[in-house]
Amino acid sequence: MALDSLSGVELVKMHCRLAFVYAFQNMDKAYEHGHRALELANASDDLLAKTNAYRNLGIVYDVDSKGDSALIYFTQSLDYAI
């Protein structure tokens, strides 16, 4: 499935998945997809998409041993989840 054929929340989900996979292979790509997911999620009104994008980016930062940044994204994710 090409990213070009997706829209809205589905595109956010795909970028989140790619960021997670790349977090264990290529951190530059992980950050690229994670921040793109976050950008798309913030442009939407979907709170679940925002929650997942922030959480996923927190995971990327955590895998990259950037705990302070990970905590910021995890906390933001919780803010949207509650």
PDB file of N, CA and C in Angstrom:
ATOM      1  N   MET A   1       0.852  -1.177   0.000  1.00  0.00           N
ATOM      2  CA  MET A   1       0.000   0.000   0.000  1.00  0.00           C
ATOM      3  C   MET A   1       0.897   1.238   0.000  1.00  0.00           C
ATOM      4  N   ALA A   2       0.669   2.104  -0.951  1.00  0.00           N
ATOM      5  CA  ALA A   2       1.458   3.330  -1.059  1.00  0.00           C
ATOM      6  C   ALA A   2       0.927   4.387  -0.102  1.00  0.00           C
ATOM      7  N   LEU A   3       1.851   5.125   0.492  1.00  0.00           N
ATOM      8  CA  LEU A   3       1.446   6.198   1.413  1.00  0.00           C
ATOM      9  C   LEU A   3       0.589   7.236   0.714  1.00  0.00           C
ATOM     10  N   ASP A   4       0.799   7.421  -0.584  1.00  0.00           N
ATOM     11  CA  ASP A   4       0.042   8.422  -1.336  1.00  0.00           C
ATOM     12  C   ASP A   4      -1.454   8.099  -1.383  1.00  0.00           C
ATOM     13  N   SER A   5      -1.798   6.834  -1.250  1.00  0.00           N
ATOM     14  CA  SER A   5      -3.201   6.448  -1.348  1.00  0.00           C
ATOM     15  C   SER A   5      -3.936   6.580  -0.018  1.00  0.00           C
ATOM     16  N   LEU A   6      -3.223   6.891   1.045  1.00  0.00           N
ATOM     17  CA  LEU A   6      -3.834   7.020   2.365  1.00  0.00           C
ATOM     18  C   LEU A   6      -4.151   8.472   2.674  1.00  0.00           C
ATOM     19  N   SER A   7      -5.079   8.661   3.592  1.00  0.00           N
ATOM     20  CA  SER A   7      -5.393  10.026   4.015  1.00  0.00           C
ATOM     21  C   SER A   7      -5.772  10.033   5.490  1.00  0.00           C
ATOM     22  N   GLY A   8      -5.686  11.198   6.088  1.00  0.00           N
ATOM     23  CA  GLY A   8      -6.144  11.390   7.459  1.00  0.00           C
ATOM     24  C   GLY A   8      -5.512  10.469   8.470  1.00  0.00           C
ATOM     25  N   VAL A   9      -6.364   9.867   9.277  1.00  0.00           N
ATOM     26  CA  VAL A   9      -5.922   9.033  10.390  1.00  0.00           C
ATOM     27  C   VAL A   9      -5.149   7.814   9.907  1.00  0.00           C
ATOM     28  N   GLU A  10      -5.523   7.259   8.768  1.00  0.00           N
ATOM     29  CA  GLU A  10      -4.800   6.096   8.245  1.00  0.00           C
ATOM     30  C   GLU A  10      -3.359   6.447   7.909  1.00  0.00           C
ATOM     31  N   LEU A  11      -3.145   7.642   7.430  1.00  0.00           N
ATOM     32  CA  LEU A  11      -1.787   8.094   7.122  1.00  0.00           C
ATOM     33  C   LEU A  11      -0.982   8.289   8.410  1.00  0.00           C
ATOM     34  N   VAL A  12      -1.628   8.795   9.442  1.00  0.00           N
ATOM     35  CA  VAL A  12      -0.975   8.935  10.749  1.00  0.00           C
ATOM     36  C   VAL A  12      -0.551   7.556  11.252  1.00  0.00           C
ATOM     37  N   LYS A  13      -1.454   6.585  11.165  1.00  0.00           N
ATOM     38  CA  LYS A  13      -1.150   5.223  11.629  1.00  0.00           C
ATOM     39  C   LYS A  13       0.028   4.627  10.876  1.00  0.00           C
ATOM     40  N   MET A  14       0.061   4.823   9.566  1.00  0.00           N
ATOM     41  CA  MET A  14       1.139   4.261   8.766  1.00  0.00           C
ATOM     42  C   MET A  14       2.482   4.900   9.143  1.00  0.00           C
ATOM     43  N   HIS A  15       2.509   6.205   9.311  1.00  0.00           N
ATOM     44  CA  HIS A  15       3.758   6.865   9.712  1.00  0.00           C
ATOM     45  C   HIS A  15       4.183   6.402  11.113  1.00  0.00           C
ATOM     46  N   CYS A  16       3.231   6.187  11.999  1.00  0.00           N
ATOM     47  CA  CYS A  16       3.566   5.662  13.336  1.00  0.00           C
ATOM     48  C   CYS A  16       4.194   4.284  13.234  1.00  0.00           C
ATOM     49  N   ARG A  17       3.613   3.431  12.418  1.00  0.00           N
ATOM     50  CA  ARG A  17       4.163   2.083  12.252  1.00  0.00           C
ATOM     51  C   ARG A  17       5.570   2.129  11.672  1.00  0.00           C
ATOM     52  N   LEU A  18       5.754   2.963  10.655  1.00  0.00           N
ATOM     53  CA  LEU A  18       7.078   3.075  10.050  1.00  0.00           C
ATOM     54  C   LEU A  18       8.097   3.621  11.046  1.00  0.00           C
ATOM     55  N   ALA A  19       7.705   4.602  11.831  1.00  0.00           N
ATOM     56  CA  ALA A  19       8.619   5.163  12.839  1.00  0.00           C
ATOM     57  C   ALA A  19       9.034   4.085  13.832  1.00  0.00           C
ATOM     58  N   PHE A  20       8.079   3.269  14.259  1.00  0.00           N
ATOM     59  CA  PHE A  20       8.390   2.214  15.228  1.00  0.00           C
ATOM     60  C   PHE A  20       9.376   1.205  14.632  1.00  0.00           C
ATOM     61  N   VAL A  21       9.120   0.767  13.422  1.00  0.00           N
ATOM     62  CA  VAL A  21      10.010  -0.212  12.788  1.00  0.00           C
ATOM     63  C   VAL A  21      11.404   0.380  12.585  1.00  0.00           C
ATOM     64  N   TYR A  22      11.458   1.609  12.083  1.00  0.00           N
ATOM     65  CA  TYR A  22      12.755   2.242  11.840  1.00  0.00           C
ATOM     66  C   TYR A  22      13.509   2.544  13.133  1.00  0.00           C
ATOM     67  N   ALA A  23      12.826   2.650  14.252  1.00  0.00           N
ATOM     68  CA  ALA A  23      13.502   2.940  15.528  1.00  0.00           C
ATOM     69  C   ALA A  23      14.535   1.871  15.868  1.00  0.00           C
ATOM     70  N   PHE A  24      14.387   0.702  15.293  1.00  0.00           N
ATOM     71  CA  PHE A  24      15.314  -0.399  15.563  1.00  0.00           C
ATOM     72  C   PHE A  24      16.293  -0.631  14.412  1.00  0.00           C
ATOM     73  N   GLN A  25      16.223   0.271  13.393  1.00  0.00           N
ATOM     74  CA  GLN A  25      17.077   0.091  12.227  1.00  0.00           C
ATOM     75  C   GLN A  25      17.752   1.383  11.768  1.00  0.00           C
ATOM     76  N   ASN A  26      16.999   2.482  11.769  1.00  0.00           N
ATOM     77  CA  ASN A  26      17.481   3.737  11.189  1.00  0.00           C
ATOM     78  C   ASN A  26      16.798   4.897  11.919  1.00  0.00           C
ATOM     79  N   MET A  27      17.498   5.490  12.886  1.00  0.00           N
ATOM     80  CA  MET A  27      16.866   6.514  13.731  1.00  0.00           C
ATOM     81  C   MET A  27      16.473   7.758  12.941  1.00  0.00           C
ATOM     82  N   ASP A  28      17.233   8.131  11.930  1.00  0.00           N
ATOM     83  CA  ASP A  28      16.860   9.303  11.135  1.00  0.00           C
ATOM     84  C   ASP A  28      15.493   9.102  10.498  1.00  0.00           C
ATOM     85  N   LYS A  29      15.274   7.929   9.924  1.00  0.00           N
ATOM     86  CA  LYS A  29      13.977   7.614   9.321  1.00  0.00           C
ATOM     87  C   LYS A  29      12.891   7.516  10.395  1.00  0.00           C
ATOM     88  N   ALA A  30      13.236   6.988  11.545  1.00  0.00           N
ATOM     89  CA  ALA A  30      12.258   6.878  12.639  1.00  0.00           C
ATOM     90  C   ALA A  30      11.766   8.257  13.052  1.00  0.00           C
ATOM     91  N   TYR A  31      12.701   9.182  13.224  1.00  0.00           N
ATOM     92  CA  TYR A  31      12.312  10.548  13.593  1.00  0.00           C
ATOM     93  C   TYR A  31      11.511  11.215  12.474  1.00  0.00           C
ATOM     94  N   GLU A  32      11.918  10.987  11.241  1.00  0.00           N
ATOM     95  CA  GLU A  32      11.215  11.574  10.096  1.00  0.00           C
ATOM     96  C   GLU A  32       9.747  11.135  10.087  1.00  0.00           C
ATOM     97  N   HIS A  33       9.519   9.839  10.207  1.00  0.00           N
ATOM     98  CA  HIS A  33       8.152   9.324  10.175  1.00  0.00           C
ATOM     99  C   HIS A  33       7.390   9.677  11.451  1.00  0.00           C
ATOM    100  N   GLY A  34       8.074   9.655  12.576  1.00  0.00           N
ATOM    101  CA  GLY A  34       7.415  10.008  13.835  1.00  0.00           C
ATOM    102  C   GLY A  34       6.938  11.448  13.858  1.00  0.00           C
ATOM    103  N   HIS A  35       7.771  12.345  13.400  1.00  0.00           N
ATOM    104  CA  HIS A  35       7.378  13.762  13.386  1.00  0.00           C
ATOM    105  C   HIS A  35       6.329  14.042  12.310  1.00  0.00           C
ATOM    106  N   ARG A  36       6.395  13.299  11.205  1.00  0.00           N
ATOM    107  CA  ARG A  36       5.356  13.457  10.170  1.00  0.00           C
ATOM    108  C   ARG A  36       4.010  12.983  10.708  1.00  0.00           C
ATOM    109  N   ALA A  37       4.000  11.874  11.424  1.00  0.00           N
ATOM    110  CA  ALA A  37       2.762  11.384  12.035  1.00  0.00           C
ATOM    111  C   ALA A  37       2.197  12.418  12.997  1.00  0.00           C
ATOM    112  N   LEU A  38       3.071  13.007  13.792  1.00  0.00           N
ATOM    113  CA  LEU A  38       2.644  14.005  14.761  1.00  0.00           C
ATOM    114  C   LEU A  38       2.085  15.245  14.062  1.00  0.00           C
ATOM    115  N   GLU A  39       2.741  15.676  13.008  1.00  0.00           N
ATOM    116  CA  GLU A  39       2.272  16.831  12.245  1.00  0.00           C
ATOM    117  C   GLU A  39       0.871  16.577  11.666  1.00  0.00           C
ATOM    118  N   LEU A  40       0.684  15.404  11.083  1.00  0.00           N
ATOM    119  CA  LEU A  40      -0.617  15.056  10.510  1.00  0.00           C
ATOM    120  C   LEU A  40      -1.680  14.907  11.594  1.00  0.00           C
ATOM    121  N   ALA A  41      -1.305  14.307  12.708  1.00  0.00           N
ATOM    122  CA  ALA A  41      -2.262  14.118  13.805  1.00  0.00           C
ATOM    123  C   ALA A  41      -2.689  15.461  14.383  1.00  0.00           C
ATOM    124  N   ASN A  42      -1.759  16.372  14.550  1.00  0.00           N
ATOM    125  CA  ASN A  42      -2.094  17.686  15.103  1.00  0.00           C
ATOM    126  C   ASN A  42      -2.959  18.503  14.149  1.00  0.00           C
ATOM    127  N   ALA A  43      -2.894  18.189  12.865  1.00  0.00           N
ATOM    128  CA  ALA A  43      -3.733  18.881  11.882  1.00  0.00           C
ATOM    129  C   ALA A  43      -5.158  18.322  11.866  1.00  0.00           C
ATOM    130  N   SER A  44      -5.359  17.213  12.539  1.00  0.00           N
ATOM    131  CA  SER A  44      -6.684  16.591  12.576  1.00  0.00           C
ATOM    132  C   SER A  44      -7.375  16.894  13.902  1.00  0.00           C
ATOM    133  N   ASP A  45      -8.624  16.516  13.977  1.00  0.00           N
ATOM    134  CA  ASP A  45      -9.390  16.654  15.221  1.00  0.00           C
ATOM    135  C   ASP A  45      -9.480  15.332  15.965  1.00  0.00           C
ATOM    136  N   ASP A  46      -8.727  14.359  15.548  1.00  0.00           N
ATOM    137  CA  ASP A  46      -8.804  13.014  16.107  1.00  0.00           C
ATOM    138  C   ASP A  46      -7.873  12.885  17.316  1.00  0.00           C
ATOM    139  N   LEU A  47      -8.468  12.828  18.496  1.00  0.00           N
ATOM    140  CA  LEU A  47      -7.666  12.741  19.728  1.00  0.00           C
ATOM    141  C   LEU A  47      -6.884  11.436  19.828  1.00  0.00           C
ATOM    142  N   LEU A  48      -7.455  10.344  19.325  1.00  0.00           N
ATOM    143  CA  LEU A  48      -6.747   9.064  19.369  1.00  0.00           C
ATOM    144  C   LEU A  48      -5.511   9.108  18.474  1.00  0.00           C
ATOM    145  N   ALA A  49      -5.623   9.731  17.310  1.00  0.00           N
ATOM    146  CA  ALA A  49      -4.467   9.862  16.420  1.00  0.00           C
ATOM    147  C   ALA A  49      -3.377  10.685  17.098  1.00  0.00           C
ATOM    148  N   LYS A  50      -3.766  11.763  17.780  1.00  0.00           N
ATOM    149  CA  LYS A  50      -2.787  12.589  18.501  1.00  0.00           C
ATOM    150  C   LYS A  50      -2.144  11.798  19.629  1.00  0.00           C
ATOM    151  N   THR A  51      -2.950  11.068  20.379  1.00  0.00           N
ATOM    152  CA  THR A  51      -2.438  10.248  21.479  1.00  0.00           C
ATOM    153  C   THR A  51      -1.411   9.252  20.960  1.00  0.00           C
ATOM    154  N   ASN A  52      -1.751   8.549  19.890  1.00  0.00           N
ATOM    155  CA  ASN A  52      -0.856   7.530  19.344  1.00  0.00           C
ATOM    156  C   ASN A  52       0.411   8.131  18.755  1.00  0.00           C
ATOM    157  N   ALA A  53       0.293   9.266  18.083  1.00  0.00           N
ATOM    158  CA  ALA A  53       1.476   9.894  17.477  1.00  0.00           C
ATOM    159  C   ALA A  53       2.457  10.358  18.557  1.00  0.00           C
ATOM    160  N   TYR A  54       1.943  10.985  19.611  1.00  0.00           N
ATOM    161  CA  TYR A  54       2.824  11.419  20.701  1.00  0.00           C
ATOM    162  C   TYR A  54       3.446  10.220  21.409  1.00  0.00           C
ATOM    163  N   ARG A  55       2.652   9.187  21.671  1.00  0.00           N
ATOM    164  CA  ARG A  55       3.179   7.997  22.340  1.00  0.00           C
ATOM    165  C   ARG A  55       4.253   7.332  21.490  1.00  0.00           C
ATOM    166  N   ASN A  56       3.976   7.200  20.212  1.00  0.00           N
ATOM    167  CA  ASN A  56       4.915   6.544  19.312  1.00  0.00           C
ATOM    168  C   ASN A  56       6.228   7.310  19.224  1.00  0.00           C
ATOM    169  N   LEU A  57       6.145   8.632  19.171  1.00  0.00           N
ATOM    170  CA  LEU A  57       7.375   9.430  19.130  1.00  0.00           C
ATOM    171  C   LEU A  57       8.128   9.303  20.456  1.00  0.00           C
ATOM    172  N   GLY A  58       7.411   9.160  21.552  1.00  0.00           N
ATOM    173  CA  GLY A  58       8.043   8.898  22.837  1.00  0.00           C
ATOM    174  C   GLY A  58       8.833   7.598  22.810  1.00  0.00           C
ATOM    175  N   ILE A  59       8.261   6.601  22.162  1.00  0.00           N
ATOM    176  CA  ILE A  59       8.958   5.314  22.043  1.00  0.00           C
ATOM    177  C   ILE A  59      10.237   5.480  21.232  1.00  0.00           C
ATOM    178  N   VAL A  60      10.160   6.218  20.136  1.00  0.00           N
ATOM    179  CA  VAL A  60      11.344   6.435  19.303  1.00  0.00           C
ATOM    180  C   VAL A  60      12.456   7.103  20.115  1.00  0.00           C
ATOM    181  N   TYR A  61      12.090   8.151  20.850  1.00  0.00           N
ATOM    182  CA  TYR A  61      13.102   8.827  21.677  1.00  0.00           C
ATOM    183  C   TYR A  61      13.643   7.895  22.765  1.00  0.00           C
ATOM    184  N   ASP A  62      12.789   7.070  23.325  1.00  0.00           N
ATOM    185  CA  ASP A  62      13.221   6.141  24.364  1.00  0.00           C
ATOM    186  C   ASP A  62      14.200   5.113  23.805  1.00  0.00           C
ATOM    187  N   VAL A  63      13.897   4.566  22.641  1.00  0.00           N
ATOM    188  CA  VAL A  63      14.795   3.601  22.009  1.00  0.00           C
ATOM    189  C   VAL A  63      16.144   4.253  21.704  1.00  0.00           C
ATOM    190  N   ASP A  64      16.114   5.545  21.406  1.00  0.00           N
ATOM    191  CA  ASP A  64      17.343   6.296  21.105  1.00  0.00           C
ATOM    192  C   ASP A  64      18.031   6.800  22.377  1.00  0.00           C
ATOM    193  N   SER A  65      17.596   6.315  23.530  1.00  0.00           N
ATOM    194  CA  SER A  65      18.169   6.670  24.840  1.00  0.00           C
ATOM    195  C   SER A  65      18.089   8.156  25.142  1.00  0.00           C
ATOM    196  N   LYS A  66      17.011   8.786  24.707  1.00  0.00           N
ATOM    197  CA  LYS A  66      16.767  10.196  24.996  1.00  0.00           C
ATOM    198  C   LYS A  66      15.555  10.289  25.912  1.00  0.00           C
ATOM    199  N   GLY A  67      15.792   9.865  27.151  1.00  0.00           N
ATOM    200  CA  GLY A  67      14.719   9.739  28.129  1.00  0.00           C
ATOM    201  C   GLY A  67      13.969  11.017  28.434  1.00  0.00           C
ATOM    202  N   ASP A  68      14.680  12.140  28.517  1.00  0.00           N
ATOM    203  CA  ASP A  68      14.005  13.413  28.816  1.00  0.00           C
ATOM    204  C   ASP A  68      13.008  13.776  27.721  1.00  0.00           C
ATOM    205  N   SER A  69      13.416  13.618  26.465  1.00  0.00           N
ATOM    206  CA  SER A  69      12.526  13.906  25.345  1.00  0.00           C
ATOM    207  C   SER A  69      11.389  12.891  25.301  1.00  0.00           C
ATOM    208  N   ALA A  70      11.708  11.628  25.550  1.00  0.00           N
ATOM    209  CA  ALA A  70      10.670  10.592  25.557  1.00  0.00           C
ATOM    210  C   ALA A  70       9.594  10.920  26.583  1.00  0.00           C
ATOM    211  N   LEU A  71      10.005  11.358  27.749  1.00  0.00           N
ATOM    212  CA  LEU A  71       9.051  11.694  28.812  1.00  0.00           C
ATOM    213  C   LEU A  71       8.116  12.824  28.391  1.00  0.00           C
ATOM    214  N   ILE A  72       8.637  13.802  27.672  1.00  0.00           N
ATOM    215  CA  ILE A  72       7.810  14.920  27.194  1.00  0.00           C
ATOM    216  C   ILE A  72       6.713  14.392  26.268  1.00  0.00           C
ATOM    217  N   TYR A  73       7.084  13.527  25.334  1.00  0.00           N
ATOM    218  CA  TYR A  73       6.107  12.991  24.388  1.00  0.00           C
ATOM    219  C   TYR A  73       5.132  12.030  25.059  1.00  0.00           C
ATOM    220  N   PHE A  74       5.604  11.214  25.985  1.00  0.00           N
ATOM    221  CA  PHE A  74       4.701  10.320  26.722  1.00  0.00           C
ATOM    222  C   PHE A  74       3.695  11.124  27.542  1.00  0.00           C
ATOM    223  N   THR A  75       4.165  12.186  28.172  1.00  0.00           N
ATOM    224  CA  THR A  75       3.267  13.030  28.980  1.00  0.00           C
ATOM    225  C   THR A  75       2.223  13.702  28.102  1.00  0.00           C
ATOM    226  N   GLN A  76       2.638  14.188  26.949  1.00  0.00           N
ATOM    227  CA  GLN A  76       1.680  14.806  26.027  1.00  0.00           C
ATOM    228  C   GLN A  76       0.659  13.781  25.549  1.00  0.00           C
ATOM    229  N   SER A  77       1.109  12.567  25.310  1.00  0.00           N
ATOM    230  CA  SER A  77       0.199  11.491  24.900  1.00  0.00           C
ATOM    231  C   SER A  77      -0.853  11.252  25.983  1.00  0.00           C
ATOM    232  N   LEU A  78      -0.413  11.210  27.224  1.00  0.00           N
ATOM    233  CA  LEU A  78      -1.361  11.009  28.333  1.00  0.00           C
ATOM    234  C   LEU A  78      -2.352  12.168  28.449  1.00  0.00           C
ATOM    235  N   ASP A  79      -1.894  13.380  28.182  1.00  0.00           N
ATOM    236  CA  ASP A  79      -2.787  14.529  28.231  1.00  0.00           C
ATOM    237  C   ASP A  79      -3.934  14.384  27.238  1.00  0.00           C
ATOM    238  N   TYR A  80      -3.649  13.860  26.062  1.00  0.00           N
ATOM    239  CA  TYR A  80      -4.701  13.645  25.071  1.00  0.00           C
ATOM    240  C   TYR A  80      -5.563  12.436  25.405  1.00  0.00           C
ATOM    241  N   ALA A  81      -4.974  11.457  26.074  1.00  0.00           N
ATOM    242  CA  ALA A  81      -5.707  10.224  26.385  1.00  0.00           C
ATOM    243  C   ALA A  81      -6.720  10.410  27.502  1.00  0.00           C
ATOM    244  N   ILE A  82      -6.471  11.386  28.358  1.00  0.00           N
ATOM    245  CA  ILE A  82      -7.338  11.558  29.543  1.00  0.00           C
ATOM    246  C   ILE A  82      -8.465  12.522  29.243  1.00  0.00           C
TER     247      ILE A  82
END
